[in-house]
Amino acid sequence: MEPGVKEYLIRILNTLSLGLLWMAINSTAGIMYDLAFVHDKLTLGNLLFYGWFLISLTAFLWYIIRLWRKPIDFEN
């Protein structure tokens, strides 16, 4: 396989796998452990979950943007 095409496919695979992992972690914590829903009042668990959600979303987007900004050399 050409090195440029291989690098492109690895980037796609890294993006998809990290995105699915991020969604699985946040949906498990938010839905299964009931941290995403505010029932009667806002609790510490809700605040920690939404804080983690925003920080991890920022880190995920930063990594993806940094990953896709590097040029791929298709000439080799």
PDB file of N, CA and C in Angstrom:
ATOM      1  N   MET A   1       0.855  -1.174   0.000  1.00  0.00           N
ATOM      2  CA  MET A   1       0.000   0.000   0.000  1.00  0.00           C
ATOM      3  C   MET A   1       0.902   1.238   0.000  1.00  0.00           C
ATOM      4  N   GLU A   2       0.468   2.248  -0.682  1.00  0.00           N
ATOM      5  CA  GLU A   2       1.213   3.508  -0.741  1.00  0.00           C
ATOM      6  C   GLU A   2       1.303   4.130   0.656  1.00  0.00           C
ATOM      7  N   PRO A   3       2.443   4.729   1.000  1.00  0.00           N
ATOM      8  CA  PRO A   3       2.593   5.313   2.343  1.00  0.00           C
ATOM      9  C   PRO A   3       1.598   6.441   2.631  1.00  0.00           C
ATOM     10  N   GLY A   4       1.285   7.281   1.636  1.00  0.00           N
ATOM     11  CA  GLY A   4       0.336   8.373   1.855  1.00  0.00           C
ATOM     12  C   GLY A   4      -1.070   7.875   2.118  1.00  0.00           C
ATOM     13  N   VAL A   5      -1.470   6.870   1.358  1.00  0.00           N
ATOM     14  CA  VAL A   5      -2.808   6.289   1.545  1.00  0.00           C
ATOM     15  C   VAL A   5      -2.892   5.585   2.892  1.00  0.00           C
ATOM     16  N   LYS A   6      -1.824   4.890   3.260  1.00  0.00           N
ATOM     17  CA  LYS A   6      -1.793   4.194   4.549  1.00  0.00           C
ATOM     18  C   LYS A   6      -1.905   5.200   5.699  1.00  0.00           C
ATOM     19  N   GLU A   7      -1.173   6.314   5.615  1.00  0.00           N
ATOM     20  CA  GLU A   7      -1.246   7.344   6.655  1.00  0.00           C
ATOM     21  C   GLU A   7      -2.644   7.949   6.736  1.00  0.00           C
ATOM     22  N   TYR A   8      -3.277   8.166   5.584  1.00  0.00           N
ATOM     23  CA  TYR A   8      -4.631   8.713   5.537  1.00  0.00           C
ATOM     24  C   TYR A   8      -5.626   7.761   6.207  1.00  0.00           C
ATOM     25  N   LEU A   9      -5.531   6.477   5.899  1.00  0.00           N
ATOM     26  CA  LEU A   9      -6.436   5.499   6.505  1.00  0.00           C
ATOM     27  C   LEU A   9      -6.201   5.349   8.001  1.00  0.00           C
ATOM     28  N   ILE A  10      -4.942   5.461   8.424  1.00  0.00           N
ATOM     29  CA  ILE A  10      -4.649   5.405   9.863  1.00  0.00           C
ATOM     30  C   ILE A  10      -5.248   6.607  10.572  1.00  0.00           C
ATOM     31  N   ARG A  11      -5.191   7.774   9.950  1.00  0.00           N
ATOM     32  CA  ARG A  11      -5.822   8.961  10.552  1.00  0.00           C
ATOM     33  C   ARG A  11      -7.325   8.775  10.686  1.00  0.00           C
ATOM     34  N   ILE A  12      -7.952   8.233   9.656  1.00  0.00           N
ATOM     35  CA  ILE A  12      -9.395   7.984   9.720  1.00  0.00           C
ATOM     36  C   ILE A  12      -9.715   6.998  10.838  1.00  0.00           C
ATOM     37  N   LEU A  13      -8.944   5.937  10.928  1.00  0.00           N
ATOM     38  CA  LEU A  13      -9.161   4.931  11.966  1.00  0.00           C
ATOM     39  C   LEU A  13      -8.946   5.510  13.361  1.00  0.00           C
ATOM     40  N   ASN A  14      -7.913   6.318  13.537  1.00  0.00           N
ATOM     41  CA  ASN A  14      -7.668   6.955  14.833  1.00  0.00           C
ATOM     42  C   ASN A  14      -8.799   7.902  15.202  1.00  0.00           C
ATOM     43  N   THR A  15      -9.288   8.665  14.237  1.00  0.00           N
ATOM     44  CA  THR A  15     -10.387   9.593  14.498  1.00  0.00           C
ATOM     45  C   THR A  15     -11.652   8.846  14.914  1.00  0.00           C
ATOM     46  N   LEU A  16     -11.992   7.809  14.169  1.00  0.00           N
ATOM     47  CA  LEU A  16     -13.204   7.048  14.488  1.00  0.00           C
ATOM     48  C   LEU A  16     -13.095   6.321  15.823  1.00  0.00           C
ATOM     49  N   SER A  17     -11.967   5.678  16.059  1.00  0.00           N
ATOM     50  CA  SER A  17     -11.849   4.908  17.299  1.00  0.00           C
ATOM     51  C   SER A  17     -11.823   5.814  18.524  1.00  0.00           C
ATOM     52  N   LEU A  18     -11.109   6.932  18.443  1.00  0.00           N
ATOM     53  CA  LEU A  18     -11.082   7.846  19.585  1.00  0.00           C
ATOM     54  C   LEU A  18     -12.452   8.497  19.794  1.00  0.00           C
ATOM     55  N   GLY A  19     -13.139   8.827  18.702  1.00  0.00           N
ATOM     56  CA  GLY A  19     -14.472   9.410  18.817  1.00  0.00           C
ATOM     57  C   GLY A  19     -15.470   8.443  19.443  1.00  0.00           C
ATOM     58  N   LEU A  20     -15.416   7.184  19.036  1.00  0.00           N
ATOM     59  CA  LEU A  20     -16.317   6.185  19.626  1.00  0.00           C
ATOM     60  C   LEU A  20     -15.996   5.928  21.089  1.00  0.00           C
ATOM     61  N   LEU A  21     -14.707   5.896  21.428  1.00  0.00           N
ATOM     62  CA  LEU A  21     -14.317   5.725  22.830  1.00  0.00           C
ATOM     63  C   LEU A  21     -14.805   6.896  23.673  1.00  0.00           C
ATOM     64  N   TRP A  22     -14.628   8.113  23.161  1.00  0.00           N
ATOM     65  CA  TRP A  22     -15.075   9.301  23.886  1.00  0.00           C
ATOM     66  C   TRP A  22     -16.595   9.267  24.103  1.00  0.00           C
ATOM     67  N   MET A  23     -17.337   8.914  23.050  1.00  0.00           N
ATOM     68  CA  MET A  23     -18.793   8.845  23.182  1.00  0.00           C
ATOM     69  C   MET A  23     -19.219   7.732  24.138  1.00  0.00           C
ATOM     70  N   ALA A  24     -18.544   6.598  24.116  1.00  0.00           N
ATOM     71  CA  ALA A  24     -18.904   5.488  25.002  1.00  0.00           C
ATOM     72  C   ALA A  24     -18.675   5.862  26.463  1.00  0.00           C
ATOM     73  N   ILE A  25     -17.556   6.506  26.744  1.00  0.00           N
ATOM     74  CA  ILE A  25     -17.255   6.906  28.120  1.00  0.00           C
ATOM     75  C   ILE A  25     -18.282   7.917  28.619  1.00  0.00           C
ATOM     76  N   ASN A  26     -18.574   8.928  27.808  1.00  0.00           N
ATOM     77  CA  ASN A  26     -19.489   9.977  28.252  1.00  0.00           C
ATOM     78  C   ASN A  26     -20.937   9.512  28.305  1.00  0.00           C
ATOM     79  N   SER A  27     -21.340   8.654  27.381  1.00  0.00           N
ATOM     80  CA  SER A  27     -22.720   8.169  27.461  1.00  0.00           C
ATOM     81  C   SER A  27     -22.892   7.193  28.623  1.00  0.00           C
ATOM     82  N   THR A  28     -21.864   6.407  28.915  1.00  0.00           N
ATOM     83  CA  THR A  28     -21.946   5.509  30.070  1.00  0.00           C
ATOM     84  C   THR A  28     -22.046   6.305  31.362  1.00  0.00           C
ATOM     85  N   ALA A  29     -21.181   7.287  31.510  1.00  0.00           N
ATOM     86  CA  ALA A  29     -21.214   8.090  32.738  1.00  0.00           C
ATOM     87  C   ALA A  29     -22.487   8.918  32.819  1.00  0.00           C
ATOM     88  N   GLY A  30     -22.925   9.461  31.713  1.00  0.00           N
ATOM     89  CA  GLY A  30     -24.078  10.351  31.734  1.00  0.00           C
ATOM     90  C   GLY A  30     -25.408   9.654  31.834  1.00  0.00           C
ATOM     91  N   ILE A  31     -25.599   8.590  31.060  1.00  0.00           N
ATOM     92  CA  ILE A  31     -26.907   7.943  31.007  1.00  0.00           C
ATOM     93  C   ILE A  31     -27.006   6.792  32.008  1.00  0.00           C
ATOM     94  N   MET A  32     -26.041   5.890  31.973  1.00  0.00           N
ATOM     95  CA  MET A  32     -26.149   4.701  32.841  1.00  0.00           C
ATOM     96  C   MET A  32     -25.971   5.050  34.315  1.00  0.00           C
ATOM     97  N   TYR A  33     -25.078   5.987  34.609  1.00  0.00           N
ATOM     98  CA  TYR A  33     -24.862   6.376  36.000  1.00  0.00           C
ATOM     99  C   TYR A  33     -25.676   7.610  36.379  1.00  0.00           C
ATOM    100  N   ASP A  34     -26.544   8.060  35.465  1.00  0.00           N
ATOM    101  CA  ASP A  34     -27.536   9.111  35.734  1.00  0.00           C
ATOM    102  C   ASP A  34     -26.901  10.447  36.139  1.00  0.00           C
ATOM    103  N   LEU A  35     -25.739  10.753  35.577  1.00  0.00           N
ATOM    104  CA  LEU A  35     -25.074  12.013  35.914  1.00  0.00           C
ATOM    105  C   LEU A  35     -25.454  13.153  34.970  1.00  0.00           C
ATOM    106  N   ALA A  36     -26.003  12.849  33.813  1.00  0.00           N
ATOM    107  CA  ALA A  36     -26.337  13.881  32.843  1.00  0.00           C
ATOM    108  C   ALA A  36     -27.692  14.524  33.124  1.00  0.00           C
ATOM    109  N   PHE A  37     -28.482  13.901  33.959  1.00  0.00           N
ATOM    110  CA  PHE A  37     -29.845  14.386  34.204  1.00  0.00           C
ATOM    111  C   PHE A  37     -29.942  15.082  35.553  1.00  0.00           C
ATOM    112  N   VAL A  38     -30.525  16.256  35.534  1.00  0.00           N
ATOM    113  CA  VAL A  38     -30.770  16.995  36.772  1.00  0.00           C
ATOM    114  C   VAL A  38     -32.212  16.702  37.169  1.00  0.00           C
ATOM    115  N   HIS A  39     -32.392  16.048  38.309  1.00  0.00           N
ATOM    116  CA  HIS A  39     -33.735  15.652  38.710  1.00  0.00           C
ATOM    117  C   HIS A  39     -34.397  16.731  39.570  1.00  0.00           C
ATOM    118  N   ASP A  40     -34.078  16.805  40.839  1.00  0.00           N
ATOM    119  CA  ASP A  40     -34.685  17.818  41.693  1.00  0.00           C
ATOM    120  C   ASP A  40     -33.795  19.045  41.819  1.00  0.00           C
ATOM    121  N   LYS A  41     -32.517  18.808  41.943  1.00  0.00           N
ATOM    122  CA  LYS A  41     -31.565  19.905  42.080  1.00  0.00           C
ATOM    123  C   LYS A  41     -30.244  19.501  41.450  1.00  0.00           C
ATOM    124  N   LEU A  42     -29.412  20.470  41.200  1.00  0.00           N
ATOM    125  CA  LEU A  42     -28.087  20.247  40.632  1.00  0.00           C
ATOM    126  C   LEU A  42     -27.172  19.683  41.710  1.00  0.00           C
ATOM    127  N   THR A  43     -26.541  18.545  41.422  1.00  0.00           N
ATOM    128  CA  THR A  43     -25.678  17.899  42.413  1.00  0.00           C
ATOM    129  C   THR A  43     -24.214  18.031  42.000  1.00  0.00           C
ATOM    130  N   LEU A  44     -23.337  17.637  42.906  1.00  0.00           N
ATOM    131  CA  LEU A  44     -21.906  17.659  42.618  1.00  0.00           C
ATOM    132  C   LEU A  44     -21.571  16.703  41.482  1.00  0.00           C
ATOM    133  N   GLY A  45     -22.243  15.568  41.418  1.00  0.00           N
ATOM    134  CA  GLY A  45     -22.029  14.606  40.337  1.00  0.00           C
ATOM    135  C   GLY A  45     -22.353  15.194  38.978  1.00  0.00           C
ATOM    136  N   ASN A  46     -23.460  15.971  38.906  1.00  0.00           N
ATOM    137  CA  ASN A  46     -23.811  16.637  37.657  1.00  0.00           C
ATOM    138  C   ASN A  46     -22.737  17.642  37.244  1.00  0.00           C
ATOM    139  N   LEU A  47     -22.269  18.416  38.192  1.00  0.00           N
ATOM    140  CA  LEU A  47     -21.244  19.419  37.891  1.00  0.00           C
ATOM    141  C   LEU A  47     -19.941  18.774  37.447  1.00  0.00           C
ATOM    142  N   LEU A  48     -19.535  17.707  38.126  1.00  0.00           N
ATOM    143  CA  LEU A  48     -18.317  17.006  37.730  1.00  0.00           C
ATOM    144  C   LEU A  48     -18.458  16.383  36.343  1.00  0.00           C
ATOM    145  N   PHE A  49     -19.619  15.810  36.070  1.00  0.00           N
ATOM    146  CA  PHE A  49     -19.831  15.202  34.758  1.00  0.00           C
ATOM    147  C   PHE A  49     -19.754  16.249  33.656  1.00  0.00           C
ATOM    148  N   TYR A  50     -20.455  17.360  33.812  1.00  0.00           N
ATOM    149  CA  TYR A  50     -20.440  18.379  32.754  1.00  0.00           C
ATOM    150  C   TYR A  50     -19.086  19.063  32.644  1.00  0.00           C
ATOM    151  N   GLY A  51     -18.378  19.204  33.750  1.00  0.00           N
ATOM    152  CA  GLY A  51     -17.013  19.726  33.692  1.00  0.00           C
ATOM    153  C   GLY A  51     -16.113  18.785  32.914  1.00  0.00           C
ATOM    154  N   TRP A  52     -16.176  17.480  33.246  1.00  0.00           N
ATOM    155  CA  TRP A  52     -15.400  16.472  32.519  1.00  0.00           C
ATOM    156  C   TRP A  52     -15.784  16.459  31.046  1.00  0.00           C
ATOM    157  N   PHE A  53     -17.077  16.573  30.756  1.00  0.00           N
ATOM    158  CA  PHE A  53     -17.555  16.543  29.385  1.00  0.00           C
ATOM    159  C   PHE A  53     -16.946  17.680  28.570  1.00  0.00           C
ATOM    160  N   LEU A  54     -16.966  18.879  29.106  1.00  0.00           N
ATOM    161  CA  LEU A  54     -16.422  20.026  28.374  1.00  0.00           C
ATOM    162  C   LEU A  54     -14.903  19.944  28.217  1.00  0.00           C
ATOM    163  N   ILE A  55     -14.215  19.530  29.274  1.00  0.00           N
ATOM    164  CA  ILE A  55     -12.751  19.418  29.196  1.00  0.00           C
ATOM    165  C   ILE A  55     -12.353  18.318  28.215  1.00  0.00           C
ATOM    166  N   SER A  56     -13.020  17.169  28.281  1.00  0.00           N
ATOM    167  CA  SER A  56     -12.667  16.076  27.377  1.00  0.00           C
ATOM    168  C   SER A  56     -13.061  16.393  25.932  1.00  0.00           C
ATOM    169  N   LEU A  57     -14.160  17.115  25.720  1.00  0.00           N
ATOM    170  CA  LEU A  57     -14.541  17.520  24.369  1.00  0.00           C
ATOM    171  C   LEU A  57     -13.506  18.469  23.783  1.00  0.00           C
ATOM    172  N   THR A  58     -13.037  19.408  24.588  1.00  0.00           N
ATOM    173  CA  THR A  58     -12.006  20.338  24.136  1.00  0.00           C
ATOM    174  C   THR A  58     -10.720  19.597  23.786  1.00  0.00           C
ATOM    175  N   ALA A  59     -10.314  18.661  24.624  1.00  0.00           N
ATOM    176  CA  ALA A  59      -9.097  17.888  24.360  1.00  0.00           C
ATOM    177  C   ALA A  59      -9.267  17.015  23.116  1.00  0.00           C
ATOM    178  N   PHE A  60     -10.420  16.411  22.955  1.00  0.00           N
ATOM    179  CA  PHE A  60     -10.687  15.579  21.786  1.00  0.00           C
ATOM    180  C   PHE A  60     -10.623  16.404  20.505  1.00  0.00           C
ATOM    181  N   LEU A  61     -11.283  17.541  20.487  1.00  0.00           N
ATOM    182  CA  LEU A  61     -11.263  18.398  19.298  1.00  0.00           C
ATOM    183  C   LEU A  61      -9.868  18.933  19.012  1.00  0.00           C
ATOM    184  N   TRP A  62      -9.118  19.289  20.056  1.00  0.00           N
ATOM    185  CA  TRP A  62      -7.747  19.764  19.871  1.00  0.00           C
ATOM    186  C   TRP A  62      -6.893  18.684  19.226  1.00  0.00           C
ATOM    187  N   TYR A  63      -7.035  17.447  19.693  1.00  0.00           N
ATOM    188  CA  TYR A  63      -6.252  16.344  19.137  1.00  0.00           C
ATOM    189  C   TYR A  63      -6.631  16.089  17.678  1.00  0.00           C
ATOM    190  N   ILE A  64      -7.912  16.085  17.361  1.00  0.00           N
ATOM    191  CA  ILE A  64      -8.369  15.813  16.001  1.00  0.00           C
ATOM    192  C   ILE A  64      -7.920  16.914  15.047  1.00  0.00           C
ATOM    193  N   ILE A  65      -8.035  18.160  15.466  1.00  0.00           N
ATOM    194  CA  ILE A  65      -7.586  19.267  14.610  1.00  0.00           C
ATOM    195  C   ILE A  65      -6.086  19.191  14.393  1.00  0.00           C
ATOM    196  N   ARG A  66      -5.334  18.903  15.456  1.00  0.00           N
ATOM    197  CA  ARG A  66      -3.878  18.787  15.324  1.00  0.00           C
ATOM    198  C   ARG A  66      -3.500  17.615  14.427  1.00  0.00           C
ATOM    199  N   LEU A  67      -4.232  16.508  14.529  1.00  0.00           N
ATOM    200  CA  LEU A  67      -3.959  15.334  13.713  1.00  0.00           C
ATOM    201  C   LEU A  67      -4.189  15.614  12.233  1.00  0.00           C
ATOM    202  N   TRP A  68      -5.274  16.299  11.896  1.00  0.00           N
ATOM    203  CA  TRP A  68      -5.631  16.510  10.502  1.00  0.00           C
ATOM    204  C   TRP A  68      -4.959  17.736   9.881  1.00  0.00           C
ATOM    205  N   ARG A  69      -4.314  18.571  10.684  1.00  0.00           N
ATOM    206  CA  ARG A  69      -3.601  19.724  10.126  1.00  0.00           C
ATOM    207  C   ARG A  69      -2.295  19.347   9.450  1.00  0.00           C
ATOM    208  N   LYS A  70      -1.669  18.255   9.910  1.00  0.00           N
ATOM    209  CA  LYS A  70      -0.409  17.836   9.314  1.00  0.00           C
ATOM    210  C   LYS A  70      -0.664  17.370   7.875  1.00  0.00           C
ATOM    211  N   PRO A  71       0.135  17.850   6.944  1.00  0.00           N
ATOM    212  CA  PRO A  71      -0.083  17.422   5.552  1.00  0.00           C
ATOM    213  C   PRO A  71       0.322  15.956   5.348  1.00  0.00           C
ATOM    214  N   ILE A  72      -0.352  15.327   4.415  1.00  0.00           N
ATOM    215  CA  ILE A  72      -0.049  13.949   4.052  1.00  0.00           C
ATOM    216  C   ILE A  72       0.697  13.989   2.727  1.00  0.00           C
ATOM    217  N   ASP A  73       1.822  13.297   2.675  1.00  0.00           N
ATOM    218  CA  ASP A  73       2.627  13.264   1.472  1.00  0.00           C
ATOM    219  C   ASP A  73       2.196  12.082   0.610  1.00  0.00           C
ATOM    220  N   PHE A  74       1.411  12.377  -0.449  1.00  0.00           N
ATOM    221  CA  PHE A  74       0.944  11.333  -1.333  1.00  0.00           C
ATOM    222  C   PHE A  74       1.927  11.065  -2.479  1.00  0.00           C
ATOM    223  N   GLU A  75       3.025  11.806  -2.534  1.00  0.00           N
ATOM    224  CA  GLU A  75       3.959  11.694  -3.632  1.00  0.00           C
ATOM    225  C   GLU A  75       4.849  10.461  -3.538  1.00  0.00           C
ATOM    226  N   ASN A  76       5.085   9.931  -2.362  1.00  0.00           N
ATOM    227  CA  ASN A  76       6.004   8.788  -2.211  1.00  0.00           C
ATOM    228  C   ASN A  76       5.442   7.547  -2.816  1.00  0.00           C
TER     229      ASN A  76
END
